[in-house]
Amino acid sequence: MSDPVQAPEAKAPERCETMADVRTGVDALDRELMRLIAIRFGYMRAAARIKPERGHVRDEARKAEVIANACDDARDAGIPEEAIRDIWDRLVEASIGYEMIEWERLRR
């Protein structure tokens, strides 16, 4: 039996020397981000299970807090705050939509 093909190891950004290095790193990071987003959506399933009323799914104060936290982290990391604000707004809205679907599914 042959060994499975292993993906090349990603280099840290400062160690990249070629575009192939960069692309390998980006692809590896994208897979890790997807793994983390799947966990985040697992928390949305938990919230849907825990929240007693449909009206509790959307919490604008919490949404603002999550986005503000992401912007603070972006500022601290020296990455574009407005881009992170836009990404997190879409992520939170997608999470709310998913949680709403799960809330309704669990109560059929």
C-alpha atoms as a PDB file:
ATOM      1  CA  MET A   1       0.000   0.000   0.000  1.00  0.00           C
ATOM      2  CA  SER A   2       1.412   3.402  -0.908  1.00  0.00           C
ATOM      3  CA  ASP A   3       1.652   6.335   1.450  1.00  0.00           C
ATOM      4  CA  PRO A   4      -0.914   9.099   0.961  1.00  0.00           C
ATOM      5  CA  VAL A   5       0.396  12.200  -0.740  1.00  0.00           C
ATOM      6  CA  GLN A   6       1.171  14.844   1.828  1.00  0.00           C
ATOM      7  CA  ALA A   7       0.687  18.523   1.197  1.00  0.00           C
ATOM      8  CA  PRO A   8       3.874  20.564   1.323  1.00  0.00           C
ATOM      9  CA  GLU A   9       4.464  22.287   4.633  1.00  0.00           C
ATOM     10  CA  ALA A  10       3.563  25.956   4.636  1.00  0.00           C
ATOM     11  CA  LYS A  11       6.318  28.436   5.406  1.00  0.00           C
ATOM     12  CA  ALA A  12       5.818  31.459   7.609  1.00  0.00           C
ATOM     13  CA  PRO A  13       5.135  34.549   5.444  1.00  0.00           C
ATOM     14  CA  GLU A  14       8.543  36.062   6.183  1.00  0.00           C
ATOM     15  CA  ARG A  15      10.233  32.847   4.972  1.00  0.00           C
ATOM     16  CA  CYS A  16       8.398  32.663   1.614  1.00  0.00           C
ATOM     17  CA  GLU A  17      10.725  32.953  -1.355  1.00  0.00           C
ATOM     18  CA  THR A  18       8.411  32.091  -4.260  1.00  0.00           C
ATOM     19  CA  MET A  19       4.778  32.522  -5.207  1.00  0.00           C
ATOM     20  CA  ALA A  20       4.425  28.757  -4.790  1.00  0.00           C
ATOM     21  CA  ASP A  21       5.453  29.233  -1.127  1.00  0.00           C
ATOM     22  CA  VAL A  22       2.899  32.025  -0.736  1.00  0.00           C
ATOM     23  CA  ARG A  23       0.114  29.991  -2.360  1.00  0.00           C
ATOM     24  CA  THR A  24       0.892  26.941  -0.239  1.00  0.00           C
ATOM     25  CA  GLY A  25       0.657  29.109   2.873  1.00  0.00           C
ATOM     26  CA  VAL A  26      -2.572  30.785   1.797  1.00  0.00           C
ATOM     27  CA  ASP A  27      -4.181  27.446   0.922  1.00  0.00           C
ATOM     28  CA  ALA A  28      -3.172  25.951   4.278  1.00  0.00           C
ATOM     29  CA  LEU A  29      -4.466  28.990   6.107  1.00  0.00           C
ATOM     30  CA  ASP A  30      -7.758  28.916   4.184  1.00  0.00           C
ATOM     31  CA  ARG A  31      -8.281  25.301   5.285  1.00  0.00           C
ATOM     32  CA  GLU A  32      -7.575  26.305   8.896  1.00  0.00           C
ATOM     33  CA  LEU A  33      -9.961  29.260   8.648  1.00  0.00           C
ATOM     34  CA  MET A  34     -12.684  26.946   7.324  1.00  0.00           C
ATOM     35  CA  ARG A  35     -12.088  24.568  10.236  1.00  0.00           C
ATOM     36  CA  LEU A  36     -12.454  27.474  12.673  1.00  0.00           C
ATOM     37  CA  ILE A  37     -15.551  28.839  10.937  1.00  0.00           C
ATOM     38  CA  ALA A  38     -17.136  25.381  11.193  1.00  0.00           C
ATOM     39  CA  ILE A  39     -16.516  25.492  14.949  1.00  0.00           C
ATOM     40  CA  ARG A  40     -18.024  29.002  15.102  1.00  0.00           C
ATOM     41  CA  PHE A  41     -21.149  27.722  13.361  1.00  0.00           C
ATOM     42  CA  GLY A  42     -21.250  24.895  15.909  1.00  0.00           C
ATOM     43  CA  TYR A  43     -21.605  27.589  18.562  1.00  0.00           C
ATOM     44  CA  MET A  44     -24.488  29.028  16.544  1.00  0.00           C
ATOM     45  CA  ARG A  45     -26.180  25.599  16.679  1.00  0.00           C
ATOM     46  CA  ALA A  46     -25.646  25.597  20.444  1.00  0.00           C
ATOM     47  CA  ALA A  47     -27.120  29.102  20.733  1.00  0.00           C
ATOM     48  CA  ALA A  48     -30.145  28.020  18.680  1.00  0.00           C
ATOM     49  CA  ARG A  49     -30.654  25.093  21.041  1.00  0.00           C
ATOM     50  CA  ILE A  50     -30.250  27.242  24.174  1.00  0.00           C
ATOM     51  CA  LYS A  51     -32.198  30.398  23.318  1.00  0.00           C
ATOM     52  CA  PRO A  52     -35.825  30.013  24.419  1.00  0.00           C
ATOM     53  CA  GLU A  53     -37.398  32.519  22.018  1.00  0.00           C
ATOM     54  CA  ARG A  54     -36.954  33.212  18.312  1.00  0.00           C
ATOM     55  CA  GLY A  55     -36.629  36.938  19.044  1.00  0.00           C
ATOM     56  CA  HIS A  56     -33.485  36.259  21.049  1.00  0.00           C
ATOM     57  CA  VAL A  57     -31.594  35.047  17.967  1.00  0.00           C
ATOM     58  CA  ARG A  58     -30.847  38.569  16.703  1.00  0.00           C
ATOM     59  CA  ASP A  59     -28.984  40.638  19.301  1.00  0.00           C
ATOM     60  CA  GLU A  60     -27.803  43.928  17.795  1.00  0.00           C
ATOM     61  CA  ALA A  61     -25.814  44.913  20.889  1.00  0.00           C
ATOM     62  CA  ARG A  62     -23.885  41.630  20.766  1.00  0.00           C
ATOM     63  CA  LYS A  63     -23.352  42.003  17.009  1.00  0.00           C
ATOM     64  CA  ALA A  64     -21.865  45.477  17.544  1.00  0.00           C
ATOM     65  CA  GLU A  65     -19.635  44.138  20.340  1.00  0.00           C
ATOM     66  CA  VAL A  66     -18.301  41.263  18.191  1.00  0.00           C
ATOM     67  CA  ILE A  67     -17.540  43.603  15.285  1.00  0.00           C
ATOM     68  CA  ALA A  68     -15.909  46.182  17.572  1.00  0.00           C
ATOM     69  CA  ASN A  69     -13.721  43.434  19.075  1.00  0.00           C
ATOM     70  CA  ALA A  70     -12.645  42.316  15.595  1.00  0.00           C
ATOM     71  CA  CYS A  71     -11.811  45.921  14.652  1.00  0.00           C
ATOM     72  CA  ASP A  72      -9.757  46.351  17.831  1.00  0.00           C
ATOM     73  CA  ASP A  73      -7.863  43.162  17.010  1.00  0.00           C
ATOM     74  CA  ALA A  74      -7.312  44.352  13.425  1.00  0.00           C
ATOM     75  CA  ARG A  75      -5.942  47.669  14.653  1.00  0.00           C
ATOM     76  CA  ASP A  76      -3.612  45.864  17.073  1.00  0.00           C
ATOM     77  CA  ALA A  77      -2.432  43.552  14.265  1.00  0.00           C
ATOM     78  CA  GLY A  78      -1.870  46.414  11.839  1.00  0.00           C
ATOM     79  CA  ILE A  79      -4.325  45.097   9.255  1.00  0.00           C
ATOM     80  CA  PRO A  80      -7.061  47.096   7.483  1.00  0.00           C
ATOM     81  CA  GLU A  81      -9.766  47.778  10.048  1.00  0.00           C
ATOM     82  CA  GLU A  82     -12.495  48.648   7.519  1.00  0.00           C
ATOM     83  CA  ALA A  83     -11.937  45.405   5.606  1.00  0.00           C
ATOM     84  CA  ILE A  84     -12.198  43.437   8.849  1.00  0.00           C
ATOM     85  CA  ARG A  85     -15.354  45.371   9.792  1.00  0.00           C
ATOM     86  CA  ASP A  86     -16.938  44.357   6.464  1.00  0.00           C
ATOM     87  CA  ILE A  87     -15.834  40.720   6.776  1.00  0.00           C
ATOM     88  CA  TRP A  88     -17.089  40.433  10.345  1.00  0.00           C
ATOM     89  CA  ASP A  89     -20.393  42.112   9.528  1.00  0.00           C
ATOM     90  CA  ARG A  90     -20.993  39.489   6.834  1.00  0.00           C
ATOM     91  CA  LEU A  91     -19.789  36.672   9.110  1.00  0.00           C
ATOM     92  CA  VAL A  92     -22.084  37.743  11.940  1.00  0.00           C
ATOM     93  CA  GLU A  93     -25.058  38.178   9.595  1.00  0.00           C
ATOM     94  CA  ALA A  94     -24.435  34.719   8.112  1.00  0.00           C
ATOM     95  CA  SER A  95     -24.176  33.332  11.646  1.00  0.00           C
ATOM     96  CA  ILE A  96     -27.469  34.943  12.658  1.00  0.00           C
ATOM     97  CA  GLY A  97     -29.168  33.558   9.553  1.00  0.00           C
ATOM     98  CA  TYR A  98     -27.802  30.095  10.244  1.00  0.00           C
ATOM     99  CA  GLU A  99     -28.819  30.285  13.902  1.00  0.00           C
ATOM    100  CA  MET A 100     -32.352  31.327  12.906  1.00  0.00           C
ATOM    101  CA  ILE A 101     -32.669  28.347  10.557  1.00  0.00           C
ATOM    102  CA  GLU A 102     -31.372  26.030  13.279  1.00  0.00           C
ATOM    103  CA  TRP A 103     -33.686  27.560  15.913  1.00  0.00           C
ATOM    104  CA  GLU A 104     -36.702  26.906  13.687  1.00  0.00           C
ATOM    105  CA  ARG A 105     -35.507  23.421  12.677  1.00  0.00           C
ATOM    106  CA  LEU A 106     -35.130  22.380  16.316  1.00  0.00           C
ATOM    107  CA  ARG A 107     -38.688  23.435  17.139  1.00  0.00           C
ATOM    108  CA  ARG A 108     -40.589  21.755  14.311  1.00  0.00           C
END
